[in-house]
């Protein structure tokens, strides 16, 4: 038999995870890196940091059915810190140092590409604006 969770249980699970993002002294951040996603958010990284975006506080809207969408109103934007192609992202609380272990890692795709984080472009250039077009955290029910 497979383990299955109720909608209430998976929604509470996601809320606990996204609550960690707001646990620092200010709003959490999303960091976009080049290269290959590491083994998990508990792994430090030496990949190039292309961009860092500060979330609204709280970072995610209330969820349902095990999913919470990023609060992107007003738009969450920043400018590129380095040149490169976005490969993956890491979400950290506000007290995390550069390259530090995070809370969530995930795939980055262009808008409509189906990644956990969708950006208006994967090609990031120093000083050019980057906009998050969609982002969510989901917990499977089984």
Protein backbone atom coordinates (compact mmCIF):
# COMPACT_ATOMS: atom_id res chain seq x y z
CA UNK A 1 0.00 0.00 0.00
CA UNK A 2 1.15 3.50 -0.77
CA UNK A 3 1.23 6.32 1.75
CA UNK A 4 -1.31 8.98 0.87
CA UNK A 5 -1.86 12.34 2.54
CA UNK A 6 -5.01 14.43 2.79
CA UNK A 7 -5.23 17.83 1.10
CA UNK A 8 -5.07 19.40 4.56
CA UNK A 9 -1.86 17.50 5.39
CA UNK A 10 -0.05 18.40 2.17
CA UNK A 11 -1.17 22.03 2.42
CA UNK A 12 0.14 22.21 6.00
CA UNK A 13 3.42 20.64 4.85
CA UNK A 14 3.93 23.24 2.13
CA UNK A 15 2.99 26.05 4.53
CA UNK A 16 5.65 24.83 6.97
CA UNK A 17 8.32 24.84 4.26
CA UNK A 18 7.42 28.26 2.86
CA UNK A 19 7.24 29.61 6.42
CA UNK A 20 10.98 28.94 6.73
CA UNK A 21 11.60 31.47 3.95
CA UNK A 22 10.12 34.25 6.10
CA UNK A 23 11.90 33.10 9.28
CA UNK A 24 14.93 35.39 8.90
CA UNK A 25 15.17 38.97 10.06
CA UNK A 26 13.72 40.27 6.75
CA UNK A 27 12.13 38.91 3.56
CA UNK A 28 13.72 35.79 2.08
CA UNK A 29 15.52 35.74 -1.25
CA UNK A 30 15.63 33.75 -4.43
CA UNK A 31 19.06 33.21 -5.98
CA UNK A 32 19.50 32.19 -9.60
CA UNK A 33 22.67 30.30 -10.52
CA UNK A 34 24.43 28.93 -13.59
CA UNK A 35 25.31 25.27 -13.97
CA UNK A 36 23.81 22.12 -12.61
CA UNK A 37 21.57 21.98 -9.57
CA UNK A 38 23.44 20.40 -6.64
CA UNK A 39 22.29 17.34 -4.71
CA UNK A 40 19.91 19.42 -2.61
CA UNK A 41 19.40 22.67 -0.73
CA UNK A 42 21.60 21.42 2.11
CA UNK A 43 24.61 21.53 -0.22
CA UNK A 44 26.66 24.72 -0.56
CA UNK A 45 27.40 25.86 -4.09
CA UNK A 46 30.25 27.51 -5.95
CA UNK A 47 28.20 28.14 -9.12
CA UNK A 48 27.99 31.71 -10.44
CA UNK A 49 25.25 33.79 -8.83
CA UNK A 50 23.46 35.46 -11.74
CA UNK A 51 20.72 37.28 -9.86
CA UNK A 52 19.18 37.65 -6.42
CA UNK A 53 15.60 38.72 -5.88
CA UNK A 54 14.10 39.71 -2.54
CA UNK A 55 10.65 38.29 -1.98
CA UNK A 56 7.65 40.11 -0.65
CA UNK A 57 7.14 39.31 3.04
CA UNK A 58 5.40 36.87 3.27
CA UNK A 59 6.98 35.23 0.20
CA UNK A 60 4.08 32.94 -0.72
CA UNK A 61 0.32 33.37 -0.79
CA UNK A 62 -1.95 31.06 1.21
CA UNK A 63 -2.13 27.66 -0.39
CA UNK A 64 -4.56 24.87 -1.08
CA UNK A 65 -4.36 21.25 -2.27
CA UNK A 66 -0.67 21.12 -1.33
CA UNK A 67 0.48 24.06 -3.41
CA UNK A 68 1.45 27.66 -2.70
CA UNK A 69 2.14 30.28 -5.35
CA UNK A 70 4.81 32.92 -4.98
CA UNK A 71 3.47 36.36 -4.09
CA UNK A 72 4.49 38.19 -7.26
CA UNK A 73 2.25 41.24 -6.87
CA UNK A 74 3.71 43.73 -7.38
CA UNK A 75 6.07 42.05 -9.86
CA UNK A 76 9.20 40.52 -8.39
CA UNK A 77 12.11 41.91 -10.43
CA UNK A 78 15.82 42.54 -10.13
CA UNK A 79 18.81 43.15 -12.39
CA UNK A 80 21.46 40.66 -13.38
CA UNK A 81 24.62 40.49 -11.25
CA UNK A 82 26.63 38.49 -13.82
CA UNK A 83 26.32 37.19 -17.36
CA UNK A 84 25.23 33.60 -17.99
CA UNK A 85 22.40 31.14 -18.53
CA UNK A 86 20.09 30.37 -15.62
CA UNK A 87 20.39 26.72 -14.64
CA UNK A 88 18.64 26.44 -11.29
CA UNK A 89 17.49 28.47 -8.28
CA UNK A 90 17.82 28.39 -4.51
CA UNK A 91 15.52 30.00 -1.97
CA UNK A 92 17.08 31.16 1.30
CA UNK A 93 15.95 33.11 4.33
CA UNK A 94 17.28 36.63 4.75
CA UNK A 95 20.09 35.58 7.07
CA UNK A 96 21.81 33.16 4.62
CA UNK A 97 25.28 34.05 3.36
CA UNK A 98 26.21 33.92 -0.34
CA UNK A 99 26.59 30.34 -1.58
CA UNK A 100 25.07 29.02 1.66
CA UNK A 101 22.77 26.06 2.00
CA UNK A 102 19.15 26.96 1.37
CA UNK A 103 15.57 25.92 1.98
CA UNK A 104 14.45 24.99 -1.55
CA UNK A 105 16.27 24.30 -4.83
CA UNK A 106 14.50 23.91 -8.14
CA UNK A 107 14.45 24.09 -11.91
CA UNK A 108 14.35 27.36 -13.83
CA UNK A 109 12.63 27.59 -17.21
CA UNK A 110 11.45 30.37 -19.46
CA UNK A 111 7.80 31.43 -19.16
CA UNK A 112 5.56 28.49 -20.03
CA UNK A 113 8.39 25.95 -19.67
CA UNK A 114 6.98 24.22 -16.59
CA UNK A 115 9.85 24.79 -14.15
CA UNK A 116 9.19 25.47 -10.48
CA UNK A 117 10.40 28.97 -11.35
CA UNK A 118 9.61 30.67 -14.64
CA UNK A 119 11.49 33.76 -15.80
CA UNK A 120 10.98 36.13 -18.70
CA UNK A 121 14.44 35.02 -19.96
CA UNK A 122 17.09 32.41 -19.10
CA UNK A 123 19.85 34.53 -20.61
CA UNK A 124 20.89 36.85 -17.81
CA UNK A 125 23.09 39.87 -18.41
CA UNK A 126 24.63 42.22 -15.86
CA UNK A 127 22.33 45.19 -15.27
CA UNK A 128 19.40 43.86 -17.35
CA UNK A 129 16.01 43.44 -15.64
CA UNK A 130 14.79 39.93 -14.80
CA UNK A 131 11.14 39.30 -13.92
CA UNK A 132 9.66 36.26 -12.21
CA UNK A 133 6.59 35.31 -14.21
CA UNK A 134 5.54 32.32 -12.09
CA UNK A 135 6.73 30.29 -9.14
CA UNK A 136 5.23 27.78 -6.74
CA UNK A 137 5.99 25.12 -4.17
CA UNK A 138 4.00 21.90 -4.31
CA UNK A 139 3.86 18.77 -2.16
CA UNK A 140 2.63 15.57 -3.80
CA UNK A 141 -0.23 13.74 -2.09
CA UNK A 142 1.44 10.35 -2.42
